[in-house]
Amino acid sequence: MDAATDSLAVTSLIARYAELVDTGDFAGVGALFADAVFVGSGAPAEGREAVERMLRGTVILYEDGTPRTHHATTNIAVTVDEKAGTATARSCVTVFQALPDFPLQAIAAGRYSDRFERREGEWRFVERRVRIHLVGDVSRHLRT
């Protein structure tokens, strides 16, 4: 593989995370972190089960099985170390939410700092650090 192909694969993982969260597929998110750690505002969650449990315990799902959110991940900058089989990425995230009685709005914005490894030819998360800098009305998104 070359750096451009690897960078695209890492970017696709970042996008896949957003898709899985927004569709309420917390088991799928857990699978992305099977051998990784997720560091957010609470205690770090390490591994598939811990990440899935953390999401199920904090994110509100609605009748359609989703959190009714849209994670927009932008300004993605990926650095690949071909020899080491590692990569880092930094990006911005804005979380939007809408419900029948809750107009579409940005409810949170922050940054992701990610580390990846290439294992058996595939890129995998090693660590995701989430730092939310701007918080709006998350009362319909997160359990308190």
C-alpha atoms as a PDB file:
ATOM      1  CA  MET A   1       0.000   0.000   0.000  1.00  0.00           C
ATOM      2  CA  ASP A   2       1.017   3.595  -0.416  1.00  0.00           C
ATOM      3  CA  ALA A   3       0.510   6.593   1.866  1.00  0.00           C
ATOM      4  CA  ALA A   4      -2.427   7.955  -0.159  1.00  0.00           C
ATOM      5  CA  THR A   5      -4.266   4.620  -0.052  1.00  0.00           C
ATOM      6  CA  ASP A   6      -3.540   4.262   3.661  1.00  0.00           C
ATOM      7  CA  SER A   7      -4.711   7.812   4.348  1.00  0.00           C
ATOM      8  CA  LEU A   8      -7.967   7.084   2.524  1.00  0.00           C
ATOM      9  CA  ALA A   9      -8.460   3.874   4.537  1.00  0.00           C
ATOM     10  CA  VAL A  10      -7.967   5.778   7.807  1.00  0.00           C
ATOM     11  CA  THR A  11     -10.340   8.528   6.676  1.00  0.00           C
ATOM     12  CA  SER A  12     -12.920   5.850   5.854  1.00  0.00           C
ATOM     13  CA  LEU A  13     -12.649   4.473   9.404  1.00  0.00           C
ATOM     14  CA  ILE A  14     -13.302   7.946  10.786  1.00  0.00           C
ATOM     15  CA  ALA A  15     -16.394   8.237   8.574  1.00  0.00           C
ATOM     16  CA  ARG A  16     -17.543   4.725   9.493  1.00  0.00           C
ATOM     17  CA  TYR A  17     -17.529   5.646  13.188  1.00  0.00           C
ATOM     18  CA  ALA A  18     -19.894   8.577  12.512  1.00  0.00           C
ATOM     19  CA  GLU A  19     -22.207   6.423  10.384  1.00  0.00           C
ATOM     20  CA  LEU A  20     -22.422   3.707  13.038  1.00  0.00           C
ATOM     21  CA  VAL A  21     -23.145   6.138  15.874  1.00  0.00           C
ATOM     22  CA  ASP A  22     -25.779   7.999  13.846  1.00  0.00           C
ATOM     23  CA  THR A  23     -27.568   4.760  12.906  1.00  0.00           C
ATOM     24  CA  GLY A  24     -27.532   3.543  16.525  1.00  0.00           C
ATOM     25  CA  ASP A  25     -25.272   0.589  15.721  1.00  0.00           C
ATOM     26  CA  PHE A  26     -23.354   0.612  18.996  1.00  0.00           C
ATOM     27  CA  ALA A  27     -22.233  -3.002  18.512  1.00  0.00           C
ATOM     28  CA  GLY A  28     -20.655  -1.876  15.246  1.00  0.00           C
ATOM     29  CA  VAL A  29     -18.887   0.977  17.015  1.00  0.00           C
ATOM     30  CA  GLY A  30     -17.678  -1.513  19.615  1.00  0.00           C
ATOM     31  CA  ALA A  31     -16.252  -3.665  16.826  1.00  0.00           C
ATOM     32  CA  LEU A  32     -14.224  -0.686  15.576  1.00  0.00           C
ATOM     33  CA  PHE A  33     -12.668  -0.489  19.054  1.00  0.00           C
ATOM     34  CA  ALA A  34     -12.194  -4.230  19.625  1.00  0.00           C
ATOM     35  CA  ASP A  35      -8.495  -3.686  20.367  1.00  0.00           C
ATOM     36  CA  ALA A  36      -8.620   0.025  21.140  1.00  0.00           C
ATOM     37  CA  VAL A  37      -9.494   2.593  23.762  1.00  0.00           C
ATOM     38  CA  PHE A  38     -12.069   5.377  23.578  1.00  0.00           C
ATOM     39  CA  VAL A  39     -11.320   8.377  25.778  1.00  0.00           C
ATOM     40  CA  GLY A  40     -14.114  10.904  26.201  1.00  0.00           C
ATOM     41  CA  SER A  41     -15.488  12.872  29.107  1.00  0.00           C
ATOM     42  CA  GLY A  42     -15.925   9.830  31.358  1.00  0.00           C
ATOM     43  CA  ALA A  43     -13.665   6.942  32.232  1.00  0.00           C
ATOM     44  CA  PRO A  44     -11.801   5.476  29.247  1.00  0.00           C
ATOM     45  CA  ALA A  45     -13.590   2.551  27.578  1.00  0.00           C
ATOM     46  CA  GLU A  46     -11.273  -0.182  26.324  1.00  0.00           C
ATOM     47  CA  GLY A  47     -12.357  -2.906  23.931  1.00  0.00           C
ATOM     48  CA  ARG A  48     -15.517  -3.915  22.115  1.00  0.00           C
ATOM     49  CA  GLU A  49     -17.797  -4.575  25.086  1.00  0.00           C
ATOM     50  CA  ALA A  50     -16.721  -1.532  27.102  1.00  0.00           C
ATOM     51  CA  VAL A  51     -17.236   0.888  24.199  1.00  0.00           C
ATOM     52  CA  GLU A  52     -20.638  -0.572  23.340  1.00  0.00           C
ATOM     53  CA  ARG A  53     -21.689  -0.485  27.018  1.00  0.00           C
ATOM     54  CA  MET A  54     -20.518   3.139  27.355  1.00  0.00           C
ATOM     55  CA  LEU A  55     -22.583   4.229  24.351  1.00  0.00           C
ATOM     56  CA  ARG A  56     -25.682   2.301  25.447  1.00  0.00           C
ATOM     57  CA  GLY A  57     -25.372   3.857  28.898  1.00  0.00           C
ATOM     58  CA  THR A  58     -25.005   7.450  27.739  1.00  0.00           C
ATOM     59  CA  VAL A  59     -26.672   7.984  24.332  1.00  0.00           C
ATOM     60  CA  ILE A  60     -30.471   8.173  24.048  1.00  0.00           C
ATOM     61  CA  LEU A  61     -31.993   6.112  21.225  1.00  0.00           C
ATOM     62  CA  TYR A  62     -35.423   6.875  19.762  1.00  0.00           C
ATOM     63  CA  GLU A  63     -38.250   4.805  18.259  1.00  0.00           C
ATOM     64  CA  ASP A  64     -36.363   4.417  14.996  1.00  0.00           C
ATOM     65  CA  GLY A  65     -33.370   2.934  16.858  1.00  0.00           C
ATOM     66  CA  THR A  66     -31.148   5.959  16.241  1.00  0.00           C
ATOM     67  CA  PRO A  67     -30.055   8.922  18.364  1.00  0.00           C
ATOM     68  CA  ARG A  68     -31.472  11.240  15.672  1.00  0.00           C
ATOM     69  CA  THR A  69     -28.020  12.780  15.234  1.00  0.00           C
ATOM     70  CA  HIS A  70     -25.663  13.590  12.416  1.00  0.00           C
ATOM     71  CA  HIS A  71     -21.928  13.660  13.193  1.00  0.00           C
ATOM     72  CA  ALA A  72     -20.172  15.910  10.669  1.00  0.00           C
ATOM     73  CA  THR A  73     -16.450  15.155  10.763  1.00  0.00           C
ATOM     74  CA  THR A  74     -14.357  17.793   9.007  1.00  0.00           C
ATOM     75  CA  ASN A  75     -10.817  19.149   8.674  1.00  0.00           C
ATOM     76  CA  ILE A  76      -9.435  15.600   8.725  1.00  0.00           C
ATOM     77  CA  ALA A  77      -5.630  15.527   8.710  1.00  0.00           C
ATOM     78  CA  VAL A  78      -4.015  12.084   8.508  1.00  0.00           C
ATOM     79  CA  THR A  79      -0.318  11.307   8.948  1.00  0.00           C
ATOM     80  CA  VAL A  80       0.848   7.811   7.987  1.00  0.00           C
ATOM     81  CA  ASP A  81       4.105   6.118   9.019  1.00  0.00           C
ATOM     82  CA  GLU A  82       4.395   3.446   6.333  1.00  0.00           C
ATOM     83  CA  LYS A  83       7.347   1.630   7.898  1.00  0.00           C
ATOM     84  CA  ALA A  84       5.804   1.416  11.363  1.00  0.00           C
ATOM     85  CA  GLY A  85       2.330   0.625  10.048  1.00  0.00           C
ATOM     86  CA  THR A  86       0.830   3.382  12.170  1.00  0.00           C
ATOM     87  CA  ALA A  87      -1.136   6.539  11.554  1.00  0.00           C
ATOM     88  CA  THR A  88      -2.513   9.499  13.445  1.00  0.00           C
ATOM     89  CA  ALA A  89      -5.414  11.744  12.576  1.00  0.00           C
ATOM     90  CA  ARG A  90      -6.935  14.883  13.926  1.00  0.00           C
ATOM     91  CA  SER A  91     -10.321  16.200  12.952  1.00  0.00           C
ATOM     92  CA  CYS A  92     -13.220  18.377  14.006  1.00  0.00           C
ATOM     93  CA  VAL A  93     -16.676  17.074  14.828  1.00  0.00           C
ATOM     94  CA  THR A  94     -19.989  18.862  14.964  1.00  0.00           C
ATOM     95  CA  VAL A  95     -22.992  16.903  16.204  1.00  0.00           C
ATOM     96  CA  PHE A  96     -26.391  17.936  14.899  1.00  0.00           C
ATOM     97  CA  GLN A  97     -29.712  16.661  16.213  1.00  0.00           C
ATOM     98  CA  ALA A  98     -33.370  17.033  15.260  1.00  0.00           C
ATOM     99  CA  LEU A  99     -36.592  15.586  16.667  1.00  0.00           C
ATOM    100  CA  PRO A 100     -40.230  16.359  15.935  1.00  0.00           C
ATOM    101  CA  ASP A 101     -40.295  18.806  18.877  1.00  0.00           C
ATOM    102  CA  PHE A 102     -36.599  19.776  18.710  1.00  0.00           C
ATOM    103  CA  PRO A 103     -35.540  21.800  15.643  1.00  0.00           C
ATOM    104  CA  LEU A 104     -32.360  20.870  13.782  1.00  0.00           C
ATOM    105  CA  GLN A 105     -29.402  22.369  15.619  1.00  0.00           C
ATOM    106  CA  ALA A 106     -25.768  21.843  16.497  1.00  0.00           C
ATOM    107  CA  ILE A 107     -25.661  20.314  19.980  1.00  0.00           C
ATOM    108  CA  ALA A 108     -21.900  19.819  20.363  1.00  0.00           C
ATOM    109  CA  ALA A 109     -18.610  20.576  18.625  1.00  0.00           C
ATOM    110  CA  GLY A 110     -15.072  19.499  19.326  1.00  0.00           C
ATOM    111  CA  ARG A 111     -12.069  17.553  18.121  1.00  0.00           C
ATOM    112  CA  TYR A 112     -11.012  13.963  17.629  1.00  0.00           C
ATOM    113  CA  SER A 113      -7.417  12.866  18.102  1.00  0.00           C
ATOM    114  CA  ASP A 114      -6.969   9.334  16.748  1.00  0.00           C
ATOM    115  CA  ARG A 115      -4.250   6.698  16.543  1.00  0.00           C
ATOM    116  CA  PHE A 116      -4.369   3.716  14.191  1.00  0.00           C
ATOM    117  CA  GLU A 117      -2.371   0.568  13.409  1.00  0.00           C
ATOM    118  CA  ARG A 118      -2.274  -1.567  10.315  1.00  0.00           C
ATOM    119  CA  ARG A 119      -2.839  -5.201  11.354  1.00  0.00           C
ATOM    120  CA  GLU A 120      -2.789  -8.001   8.811  1.00  0.00           C
ATOM    121  CA  GLY A 121      -3.162  -5.424   6.046  1.00  0.00           C
ATOM    122  CA  GLU A 122      -6.139  -3.627   7.600  1.00  0.00           C
ATOM    123  CA  TRP A 123      -6.253  -0.331   9.475  1.00  0.00           C
ATOM    124  CA  ARG A 124      -7.754  -0.393  12.973  1.00  0.00           C
ATOM    125  CA  PHE A 125      -8.362   2.164  15.698  1.00  0.00           C
ATOM    126  CA  VAL A 126      -5.859   2.077  18.573  1.00  0.00           C
ATOM    127  CA  GLU A 127      -7.177   5.133  20.389  1.00  0.00           C
ATOM    128  CA  ARG A 128      -9.751   7.881  19.984  1.00  0.00           C
ATOM    129  CA  ARG A 129      -9.639  10.944  22.238  1.00  0.00           C
ATOM    130  CA  VAL A 130     -12.705  13.163  22.101  1.00  0.00           C
ATOM    131  CA  ARG A 131     -12.557  16.725  23.357  1.00  0.00           C
ATOM    132  CA  ILE A 132     -15.852  18.579  23.135  1.00  0.00           C
ATOM    133  CA  HIS A 133     -15.277  22.341  23.379  1.00  0.00           C
ATOM    134  CA  LEU A 134     -18.743  23.684  22.628  1.00  0.00           C
ATOM    135  CA  VAL A 135     -21.882  22.209  24.156  1.00  0.00           C
ATOM    136  CA  GLY A 136     -25.433  23.137  23.291  1.00  0.00           C
ATOM    137  CA  ASP A 137     -28.664  21.436  24.345  1.00  0.00           C
ATOM    138  CA  VAL A 138     -27.655  17.779  24.759  1.00  0.00           C
ATOM    139  CA  SER A 139     -30.692  16.979  26.947  1.00  0.00           C
ATOM    140  CA  ARG A 140     -32.218  14.905  24.124  1.00  0.00           C
ATOM    141  CA  HIS A 141     -28.939  13.203  23.239  1.00  0.00           C
ATOM    142  CA  LEU A 142     -27.215  12.168  26.465  1.00  0.00           C
ATOM    143  CA  ARG A 143     -28.469  10.572  29.650  1.00  0.00           C
ATOM    144  CA  THR A 144     -27.485  12.552  32.734  1.00  0.00           C
END
